[in-house]
Amino acid sequence: MKVIWSKESLQQLIQIEQYISRDHPERTVQFINRLIDRAEKIKDYPYKGRVVPEFSLNEIREVFEKSYRISENQIEILTVFEGPKLLKSSEI
């Protein structure tokens, strides 16, 4: 199974990278790589994450890395965002 990154998810990674690099440039690459690794592991366990509570659809799940939520649908990474934020229907 292949993991596909949406345009939105890649843009979010860039924004996260820019945000973190302002205060901790030395940690930026390491953290972004952890987010990517975490998302890529979804292909081995596609139902490991929790169902996204905003939608309650079994096929839309998410995993967390620190306070970031990684949401996927059929191993397509939809977006990466801070956990307290709600996933919008326009992002799926």
PDB file of N, CA and C in Angstrom:
ATOM      1  N   MET A   1       0.838  -1.173   0.000  1.00  0.00           N
ATOM      2  CA  MET A   1       0.000   0.000   0.000  1.00  0.00           C
ATOM      3  C   MET A   1       0.888   1.243   0.000  1.00  0.00           C
ATOM      4  N   LYS A   2       0.492   2.247  -0.735  1.00  0.00           N
ATOM      5  CA  LYS A   2       1.271   3.474  -0.873  1.00  0.00           C
ATOM      6  C   LYS A   2       0.596   4.618  -0.127  1.00  0.00           C
ATOM      7  N   VAL A   3       1.400   5.461   0.488  1.00  0.00           N
ATOM      8  CA  VAL A   3       0.893   6.654   1.166  1.00  0.00           C
ATOM      9  C   VAL A   3       0.964   7.822   0.176  1.00  0.00           C
ATOM     10  N   ILE A   4      -0.139   8.512   0.020  1.00  0.00           N
ATOM     11  CA  ILE A   4      -0.216   9.663  -0.886  1.00  0.00           C
ATOM     12  C   ILE A   4      -0.426  10.916  -0.043  1.00  0.00           C
ATOM     13  N   TRP A   5       0.361  11.943  -0.309  1.00  0.00           N
ATOM     14  CA  TRP A   5       0.239  13.212   0.423  1.00  0.00           C
ATOM     15  C   TRP A   5      -0.552  14.191  -0.439  1.00  0.00           C
ATOM     16  N   SER A   6      -1.615  14.746   0.104  1.00  0.00           N
ATOM     17  CA  SER A   6      -2.386  15.759  -0.618  1.00  0.00           C
ATOM     18  C   SER A   6      -1.584  17.063  -0.677  1.00  0.00           C
ATOM     19  N   LYS A   7      -1.982  17.921  -1.572  1.00  0.00           N
ATOM     20  CA  LYS A   7      -1.346  19.237  -1.677  1.00  0.00           C
ATOM     21  C   LYS A   7      -1.487  19.996  -0.358  1.00  0.00           C
ATOM     22  N   GLU A   8      -2.671  19.904   0.245  1.00  0.00           N
ATOM     23  CA  GLU A   8      -2.936  20.562   1.531  1.00  0.00           C
ATOM     24  C   GLU A   8      -1.972  20.071   2.608  1.00  0.00           C
ATOM     25  N   SER A   9      -1.765  18.763   2.689  1.00  0.00           N
ATOM     26  CA  SER A   9      -0.893  18.223   3.734  1.00  0.00           C
ATOM     27  C   SER A   9       0.549  18.675   3.544  1.00  0.00           C
ATOM     28  N   LEU A  10       1.004  18.752   2.305  1.00  0.00           N
ATOM     29  CA  LEU A  10       2.371  19.215   2.048  1.00  0.00           C
ATOM     30  C   LEU A  10       2.525  20.700   2.386  1.00  0.00           C
ATOM     31  N   GLN A  11       1.502  21.484   2.083  1.00  0.00           N
ATOM     32  CA  GLN A  11       1.535  22.906   2.439  1.00  0.00           C
ATOM     33  C   GLN A  11       1.560  23.083   3.957  1.00  0.00           C
ATOM     34  N   GLN A  12       0.809  22.245   4.658  1.00  0.00           N
ATOM     35  CA  GLN A  12       0.793  22.317   6.118  1.00  0.00           C
ATOM     36  C   GLN A  12       2.161  21.972   6.699  1.00  0.00           C
ATOM     37  N   LEU A  13       2.837  20.972   6.126  1.00  0.00           N
ATOM     38  CA  LEU A  13       4.186  20.634   6.592  1.00  0.00           C
ATOM     39  C   LEU A  13       5.139  21.817   6.429  1.00  0.00           C
ATOM     40  N   ILE A  14       5.031  22.504   5.318  1.00  0.00           N
ATOM     41  CA  ILE A  14       5.878  23.685   5.077  1.00  0.00           C
ATOM     42  C   ILE A  14       5.581  24.763   6.108  1.00  0.00           C
ATOM     43  N   GLN A  15       4.301  24.997   6.394  1.00  0.00           N
ATOM     44  CA  GLN A  15       3.929  26.015   7.385  1.00  0.00           C
ATOM     45  C   GLN A  15       4.413  25.631   8.780  1.00  0.00           C
ATOM     46  N   ILE A  16       4.293  24.356   9.131  1.00  0.00           N
ATOM     47  CA  ILE A  16       4.779  23.890  10.427  1.00  0.00           C
ATOM     48  C   ILE A  16       6.288  24.077  10.510  1.00  0.00           C
ATOM     49  N   GLU A  17       6.969  23.734   9.440  1.00  0.00           N
ATOM     50  CA  GLU A  17       8.433  23.894   9.397  1.00  0.00           C
ATOM     51  C   GLU A  17       8.826  25.357   9.595  1.00  0.00           C
ATOM     52  N   GLN A  18       8.149  26.251   8.910  1.00  0.00           N
ATOM     53  CA  GLN A  18       8.447  27.681   9.044  1.00  0.00           C
ATOM     54  C   GLN A  18       8.172  28.172  10.466  1.00  0.00           C
ATOM     55  N   TYR A  19       7.085  27.713  11.044  1.00  0.00           N
ATOM     56  CA  TYR A  19       6.706  28.128  12.394  1.00  0.00           C
ATOM     57  C   TYR A  19       7.737  27.659  13.425  1.00  0.00           C
ATOM     58  N   ILE A  20       8.098  26.395  13.369  1.00  0.00           N
ATOM     59  CA  ILE A  20       9.045  25.837  14.344  1.00  0.00           C
ATOM     60  C   ILE A  20      10.423  26.455  14.176  1.00  0.00           C
ATOM     61  N   SER A  21      10.826  26.715  12.951  1.00  0.00           N
ATOM     62  CA  SER A  21      12.182  27.224  12.701  1.00  0.00           C
ATOM     63  C   SER A  21      12.405  28.620  13.272  1.00  0.00           C
ATOM     64  N   ARG A  22      11.314  29.360  13.545  1.00  0.00           N
ATOM     65  CA  ARG A  22      11.468  30.694  14.138  1.00  0.00           C
ATOM     66  C   ARG A  22      12.099  30.621  15.529  1.00  0.00           C
ATOM     67  N   ASP A  23      11.670  29.642  16.315  1.00  0.00           N
ATOM     68  CA  ASP A  23      12.156  29.526  17.692  1.00  0.00           C
ATOM     69  C   ASP A  23      13.197  28.428  17.875  1.00  0.00           C
ATOM     70  N   HIS A  24      13.115  27.382  17.070  1.00  0.00           N
ATOM     71  CA  HIS A  24      13.993  26.218  17.244  1.00  0.00           C
ATOM     72  C   HIS A  24      14.498  25.700  15.902  1.00  0.00           C
ATOM     73  N   PRO A  25      15.308  26.469  15.196  1.00  0.00           N
ATOM     74  CA  PRO A  25      15.753  26.029  13.859  1.00  0.00           C
ATOM     75  C   PRO A  25      16.498  24.697  13.884  1.00  0.00           C
ATOM     76  N   GLU A  26      17.191  24.419  14.987  1.00  0.00           N
ATOM     77  CA  GLU A  26      17.968  23.178  15.073  1.00  0.00           C
ATOM     78  C   GLU A  26      17.063  21.950  15.203  1.00  0.00           C
ATOM     79  N   ARG A  27      15.834  22.109  15.622  1.00  0.00           N
ATOM     80  CA  ARG A  27      14.903  20.984  15.802  1.00  0.00           C
ATOM     81  C   ARG A  27      13.948  20.790  14.629  1.00  0.00           C
ATOM     82  N   THR A  28      13.918  21.733  13.741  1.00  0.00           N
ATOM     83  CA  THR A  28      12.912  21.747  12.685  1.00  0.00           C
ATOM     84  C   THR A  28      12.941  20.493  11.815  1.00  0.00           C
ATOM     85  N   VAL A  29      14.077  20.185  11.240  1.00  0.00           N
ATOM     86  CA  VAL A  29      14.176  19.047  10.327  1.00  0.00           C
ATOM     87  C   VAL A  29      13.836  17.751  11.045  1.00  0.00           C
ATOM     88  N   GLN A  30      14.325  17.605  12.257  1.00  0.00           N
ATOM     89  CA  GLN A  30      14.061  16.394  13.035  1.00  0.00           C
ATOM     90  C   GLN A  30      12.555  16.223  13.283  1.00  0.00           C
ATOM     91  N   PHE A  31      11.882  17.292  13.642  1.00  0.00           N
ATOM     92  CA  PHE A  31      10.449  17.189  13.924  1.00  0.00           C
ATOM     93  C   PHE A  31       9.642  16.908  12.654  1.00  0.00           C
ATOM     94  N   ILE A  32       9.958  17.600  11.579  1.00  0.00           N
ATOM     95  CA  ILE A  32       9.244  17.365  10.312  1.00  0.00           C
ATOM     96  C   ILE A  32       9.450  15.920   9.872  1.00  0.00           C
ATOM     97  N   ASN A  33      10.658  15.412  10.015  1.00  0.00           N
ATOM     98  CA  ASN A  33      10.921  14.010   9.662  1.00  0.00           C
ATOM     99  C   ASN A  33      10.110  13.053  10.528  1.00  0.00           C
ATOM    100  N   ARG A  34       9.926  13.382  11.805  1.00  0.00           N
ATOM    101  CA  ARG A  34       9.097  12.553  12.681  1.00  0.00           C
ATOM    102  C   ARG A  34       7.643  12.551  12.234  1.00  0.00           C
ATOM    103  N   LEU A  35       7.140  13.725  11.820  1.00  0.00           N
ATOM    104  CA  LEU A  35       5.768  13.789  11.304  1.00  0.00           C
ATOM    105  C   LEU A  35       5.622  12.922  10.054  1.00  0.00           C
ATOM    106  N   ILE A  36       6.575  13.030   9.150  1.00  0.00           N
ATOM    107  CA  ILE A  36       6.533  12.250   7.910  1.00  0.00           C
ATOM    108  C   ILE A  36       6.627  10.758   8.212  1.00  0.00           C
ATOM    109  N   ASP A  37       7.550  10.368   9.070  1.00  0.00           N
ATOM    110  CA  ASP A  37       7.691   8.953   9.437  1.00  0.00           C
ATOM    111  C   ASP A  37       6.410   8.410  10.053  1.00  0.00           C
ATOM    112  N   ARG A  38       5.807   9.197  10.928  1.00  0.00           N
ATOM    113  CA  ARG A  38       4.564   8.783  11.592  1.00  0.00           C
ATOM    114  C   ARG A  38       3.458   8.561  10.560  1.00  0.00           C
ATOM    115  N   ALA A  39       3.352   9.458   9.614  1.00  0.00           N
ATOM    116  CA  ALA A  39       2.335   9.335   8.565  1.00  0.00           C
ATOM    117  C   ALA A  39       2.616   8.137   7.660  1.00  0.00           C
ATOM    118  N   GLU A  40       3.862   7.930   7.310  1.00  0.00           N
ATOM    119  CA  GLU A  40       4.222   6.827   6.419  1.00  0.00           C
ATOM    120  C   GLU A  40       3.957   5.464   7.063  1.00  0.00           C
ATOM    121  N   LYS A  41       4.002   5.374   8.374  1.00  0.00           N
ATOM    122  CA  LYS A  41       3.744   4.112   9.068  1.00  0.00           C
ATOM    123  C   LYS A  41       2.276   3.711   9.017  1.00  0.00           C
ATOM    124  N   ILE A  42       1.411   4.653   8.661  1.00  0.00           N
ATOM    125  CA  ILE A  42      -0.018   4.354   8.581  1.00  0.00           C
ATOM    126  C   ILE A  42      -0.272   3.225   7.584  1.00  0.00           C
ATOM    127  N   LYS A  43       0.542   3.125   6.535  1.00  0.00           N
ATOM    128  CA  LYS A  43       0.309   2.082   5.531  1.00  0.00           C
ATOM    129  C   LYS A  43       0.415   0.682   6.122  1.00  0.00           C
ATOM    130  N   ASP A  44       1.198   0.502   7.168  1.00  0.00           N
ATOM    131  CA  ASP A  44       1.332  -0.807   7.802  1.00  0.00           C
ATOM    132  C   ASP A  44       0.166  -1.133   8.733  1.00  0.00           C
ATOM    133  N   TYR A  45      -0.470  -0.103   9.273  1.00  0.00           N
ATOM    134  CA  TYR A  45      -1.583  -0.278  10.218  1.00  0.00           C
ATOM    135  C   TYR A  45      -2.664   0.766   9.908  1.00  0.00           C
ATOM    136  N   PRO A  46      -3.376   0.630   8.793  1.00  0.00           N
ATOM    137  CA  PRO A  46      -4.302   1.690   8.363  1.00  0.00           C
ATOM    138  C   PRO A  46      -5.454   1.980   9.314  1.00  0.00           C
ATOM    139  N   TYR A  47      -5.799   1.052  10.199  1.00  0.00           N
ATOM    140  CA  TYR A  47      -6.897   1.304  11.133  1.00  0.00           C
ATOM    141  C   TYR A  47      -6.416   1.499  12.557  1.00  0.00           C
ATOM    142  N   LYS A  48      -5.121   1.780  12.714  1.00  0.00           N
ATOM    143  CA  LYS A  48      -4.560   1.978  14.042  1.00  0.00           C
ATOM    144  C   LYS A  48      -5.014   3.308  14.661  1.00  0.00           C
ATOM    145  N   GLY A  49      -5.096   4.338  13.880  1.00  0.00           N
ATOM    146  CA  GLY A  49      -5.480   5.649  14.395  1.00  0.00           C
ATOM    147  C   GLY A  49      -6.941   5.691  14.810  1.00  0.00           C
ATOM    148  N   ARG A  50      -7.306   6.769  15.463  1.00  0.00           N
ATOM    149  CA  ARG A  50      -8.692   6.909  15.895  1.00  0.00           C
ATOM    150  C   ARG A  50      -9.531   7.515  14.769  1.00  0.00           C
ATOM    151  N   VAL A  51     -10.814   7.267  14.824  1.00  0.00           N
ATOM    152  CA  VAL A  51     -11.757   7.876  13.895  1.00  0.00           C
ATOM    153  C   VAL A  51     -11.793   9.371  14.199  1.00  0.00           C
ATOM    154  N   VAL A  52     -11.741  10.209  13.165  1.00  0.00           N
ATOM    155  CA  VAL A  52     -11.778  11.669  13.356  1.00  0.00           C
ATOM    156  C   VAL A  52     -13.139  12.029  13.960  1.00  0.00           C
ATOM    157  N   PRO A  53     -13.148  12.571  15.186  1.00  0.00           N
ATOM    158  CA  PRO A  53     -14.425  12.816  15.872  1.00  0.00           C
ATOM    159  C   PRO A  53     -15.336  13.814  15.170  1.00  0.00           C
ATOM    160  N   GLU A  54     -14.779  14.714  14.386  1.00  0.00           N
ATOM    161  CA  GLU A  54     -15.612  15.709  13.697  1.00  0.00           C
ATOM    162  C   GLU A  54     -16.505  15.072  12.634  1.00  0.00           C
ATOM    163  N   PHE A  55     -16.128  13.867  12.155  1.00  0.00           N
ATOM    164  CA  PHE A  55     -16.880  13.242  11.059  1.00  0.00           C
ATOM    165  C   PHE A  55     -17.455  11.877  11.410  1.00  0.00           C
ATOM    166  N   SER A  56     -16.866  11.181  12.363  1.00  0.00           N
ATOM    167  CA  SER A  56     -17.344   9.856  12.782  1.00  0.00           C
ATOM    168  C   SER A  56     -17.478   8.878  11.621  1.00  0.00           C
ATOM    169  N   LEU A  57     -16.560   8.936  10.667  1.00  0.00           N
ATOM    170  CA  LEU A  57     -16.530   8.002   9.541  1.00  0.00           C
ATOM    171  C   LEU A  57     -15.354   7.055   9.743  1.00  0.00           C
ATOM    172  N   ASN A  58     -15.607   5.762   9.717  1.00  0.00           N
ATOM    173  CA  ASN A  58     -14.577   4.772   9.991  1.00  0.00           C
ATOM    174  C   ASN A  58     -13.379   4.886   9.041  1.00  0.00           C
ATOM    175  N   GLU A  59     -13.604   5.332   7.817  1.00  0.00           N
ATOM    176  CA  GLU A  59     -12.510   5.393   6.845  1.00  0.00           C
ATOM    177  C   GLU A  59     -11.658   6.664   6.945  1.00  0.00           C
ATOM    178  N   ILE A  60     -12.041   7.606   7.789  1.00  0.00           N
ATOM    179  CA  ILE A  60     -11.232   8.813   7.989  1.00  0.00           C
ATOM    180  C   ILE A  60     -10.687   8.758   9.407  1.00  0.00           C
ATOM    181  N   ARG A  61      -9.380   8.542   9.504  1.00  0.00           N
ATOM    182  CA  ARG A  61      -8.729   8.332  10.792  1.00  0.00           C
ATOM    183  C   ARG A  61      -7.582   9.314  10.954  1.00  0.00           C
ATOM    184  N   GLU A  62      -7.070   9.376  12.169  1.00  0.00           N
ATOM    185  CA  GLU A  62      -5.971  10.283  12.443  1.00  0.00           C
ATOM    186  C   GLU A  62      -5.036   9.671  13.472  1.00  0.00           C
ATOM    187  N   VAL A  63      -3.793  10.109  13.409  1.00  0.00           N
ATOM    188  CA  VAL A  63      -2.799   9.757  14.418  1.00  0.00           C
ATOM    189  C   VAL A  63      -2.182  11.064  14.894  1.00  0.00           C
ATOM    190  N   PHE A  64      -1.557  11.022  16.046  1.00  0.00           N
ATOM    191  CA  PHE A  64      -0.963  12.219  16.632  1.00  0.00           C
ATOM    192  C   PHE A  64       0.547  12.073  16.724  1.00  0.00           C
ATOM    193  N   GLU A  65       1.237  13.170  16.551  1.00  0.00           N
ATOM    194  CA  GLU A  65       2.666  13.286  16.850  1.00  0.00           C
ATOM    195  C   GLU A  65       2.797  14.577  17.635  1.00  0.00           C
ATOM    196  N   LYS A  66       3.087  14.441  18.913  1.00  0.00           N
ATOM    197  CA  LYS A  66       3.051  15.580  19.841  1.00  0.00           C
ATOM    198  C   LYS A  66       1.646  16.168  19.773  1.00  0.00           C
ATOM    199  N   SER A  67       1.511  17.456  19.469  1.00  0.00           N
ATOM    200  CA  SER A  67       0.173  18.054  19.417  1.00  0.00           C
ATOM    201  C   SER A  67      -0.372  18.135  18.001  1.00  0.00           C
ATOM    202  N   TYR A  68       0.270  17.466  17.039  1.00  0.00           N
ATOM    203  CA  TYR A  68      -0.179  17.532  15.647  1.00  0.00           C
ATOM    204  C   TYR A  68      -0.991  16.304  15.280  1.00  0.00           C
ATOM    205  N   ARG A  69      -2.077  16.543  14.554  1.00  0.00           N
ATOM    206  CA  ARG A  69      -2.949  15.476  14.089  1.00  0.00           C
ATOM    207  C   ARG A  69      -2.627  15.205  12.625  1.00  0.00           C
ATOM    208  N   ILE A  70      -2.503  13.941  12.287  1.00  0.00           N
ATOM    209  CA  ILE A  70      -2.260  13.532  10.901  1.00  0.00           C
ATOM    210  C   ILE A  70      -3.486  12.739  10.481  1.00  0.00           C
ATOM    211  N   SER A  71      -4.284  13.305   9.592  1.00  0.00           N
ATOM    212  CA  SER A  71      -5.533  12.670   9.181  1.00  0.00           C
ATOM    213  C   SER A  71      -5.379  12.050   7.810  1.00  0.00           C
ATOM    214  N   GLU A  72      -5.959  10.848   7.663  1.00  0.00           N
ATOM    215  CA  GLU A  72      -5.826  10.138   6.407  1.00  0.00           C
ATOM    216  C   GLU A  72      -7.137   9.489   6.005  1.00  0.00           C
ATOM    217  N   ASN A  73      -7.251   9.198   4.731  1.00  0.00           N
ATOM    218  CA  ASN A  73      -8.404   8.510   4.163  1.00  0.00           C
ATOM    219  C   ASN A  73      -7.868   7.593   3.083  1.00  0.00           C
ATOM    220  N   GLN A  74      -7.975   6.289   3.272  1.00  0.00           N
ATOM    221  CA  GLN A  74      -7.428   5.310   2.349  1.00  0.00           C
ATOM    222  C   GLN A  74      -5.949   5.561   2.090  1.00  0.00           C
ATOM    223  N   ILE A  75      -5.230   5.842   3.135  1.00  0.00           N
ATOM    224  CA  ILE A  75      -3.795   6.103   3.132  1.00  0.00           C
ATOM    225  C   ILE A  75      -3.443   7.321   2.284  1.00  0.00           C
ATOM    226  N   GLU A  76      -4.349   8.244   2.157  1.00  0.00           N
ATOM    227  CA  GLU A  76      -4.032   9.551   1.581  1.00  0.00           C
ATOM    228  C   GLU A  76      -3.939  10.512   2.749  1.00  0.00           C
ATOM    229  N   ILE A  77      -2.773  11.108   2.931  1.00  0.00           N
ATOM    230  CA  ILE A  77      -2.601  12.074   4.018  1.00  0.00           C
ATOM    231  C   ILE A  77      -3.344  13.335   3.601  1.00  0.00           C
ATOM    232  N   LEU A  78      -4.394  13.637   4.330  1.00  0.00           N
ATOM    233  CA  LEU A  78      -5.228  14.783   3.979  1.00  0.00           C
ATOM    234  C   LEU A  78      -4.639  16.087   4.471  1.00  0.00           C
ATOM    235  N   THR A  79      -4.192  16.104   5.707  1.00  0.00           N
ATOM    236  CA  THR A  79      -3.682  17.335   6.284  1.00  0.00           C
ATOM    237  C   THR A  79      -2.878  17.018   7.531  1.00  0.00           C
ATOM    238  N   VAL A  80      -2.105  17.975   7.969  1.00  0.00           N
ATOM    239  CA  VAL A  80      -1.353  17.892   9.215  1.00  0.00           C
ATOM    240  C   VAL A  80      -1.609  19.202   9.936  1.00  0.00           C
ATOM    241  N   PHE A  81      -2.106  19.123  11.173  1.00  0.00           N
ATOM    242  CA  PHE A  81      -2.440  20.360  11.877  1.00  0.00           C
ATOM    243  C   PHE A  81      -2.392  20.133  13.371  1.00  0.00           C
ATOM    244  N   GLU A  82      -2.419  21.220  14.117  1.00  0.00           N
ATOM    245  CA  GLU A  82      -2.363  21.127  15.568  1.00  0.00           C
ATOM    246  C   GLU A  82      -3.610  20.438  16.093  1.00  0.00           C
ATOM    247  N   GLY A  83      -3.429  19.568  17.072  1.00  0.00           N
ATOM    248  CA  GLY A  83      -4.498  18.743  17.605  1.00  0.00           C
ATOM    249  C   GLY A  83      -5.728  19.474  18.089  1.00  0.00           C
ATOM    250  N   PRO A  84      -5.613  20.621  18.757  1.00  0.00           N
ATOM    251  CA  PRO A  84      -6.820  21.278  19.252  1.00  0.00           C
ATOM    252  C   PRO A  84      -7.734  21.815  18.149  1.00  0.00           C
ATOM    253  N   LYS A  85      -7.209  21.999  16.940  1.00  0.00           N
ATOM    254  CA  LYS A  85      -8.034  22.525  15.841  1.00  0.00           C
ATOM    255  C   LYS A  85      -8.964  21.434  15.353  1.00  0.00           C
ATOM    256  N   LEU A  86     -10.106  21.825  14.796  1.00  0.00           N
ATOM    257  CA  LEU A  86     -11.057  20.892  14.213  1.00  0.00           C
ATOM    258  C   LEU A  86     -10.767  20.701  12.736  1.00  0.00           C
ATOM    259  N   LEU A  87     -10.952  19.485  12.258  1.00  0.00           N
ATOM    260  CA  LEU A  87     -10.805  19.200  10.836  1.00  0.00           C
ATOM    261  C   LEU A  87     -12.050  19.704  10.114  1.00  0.00           C
ATOM    262  N   LYS A  88     -11.855  20.471   9.048  1.00  0.00           N
ATOM    263  CA  LYS A  88     -12.971  21.036   8.295  1.00  0.00           C
ATOM    264  C   LYS A  88     -13.360  20.095   7.167  1.00  0.00           C
ATOM    265  N   SER A  89     -14.635  20.098   6.807  1.00  0.00           N
ATOM    266  CA  SER A  89     -15.098  19.224   5.719  1.00  0.00           C
ATOM    267  C   SER A  89     -14.407  19.568   4.403  1.00  0.00           C
ATOM    268  N   SER A  90     -13.960  20.793   4.235  1.00  0.00           N
ATOM    269  CA  SER A  90     -13.261  21.173   3.008  1.00  0.00           C
ATOM    270  C   SER A  90     -11.879  20.546   2.912  1.00  0.00           C
ATOM    271  N   GLU A  91     -11.383  19.959   4.010  1.00  0.00           N
ATOM    272  CA  GLU A  91     -10.054  19.350   4.033  1.00  0.00           C
ATOM    273  C   GLU A  91     -10.079  17.850   3.760  1.00  0.00           C
ATOM    274  N   ILE A  92     -11.275  17.280   3.557  1.00  0.00           N
ATOM    275  CA  ILE A  92     -11.326  15.849   3.267  1.00  0.00           C
ATOM    276  C   ILE A  92     -11.754  15.595   1.841  1.00  0.00           C
TER     277      ILE A  92
END
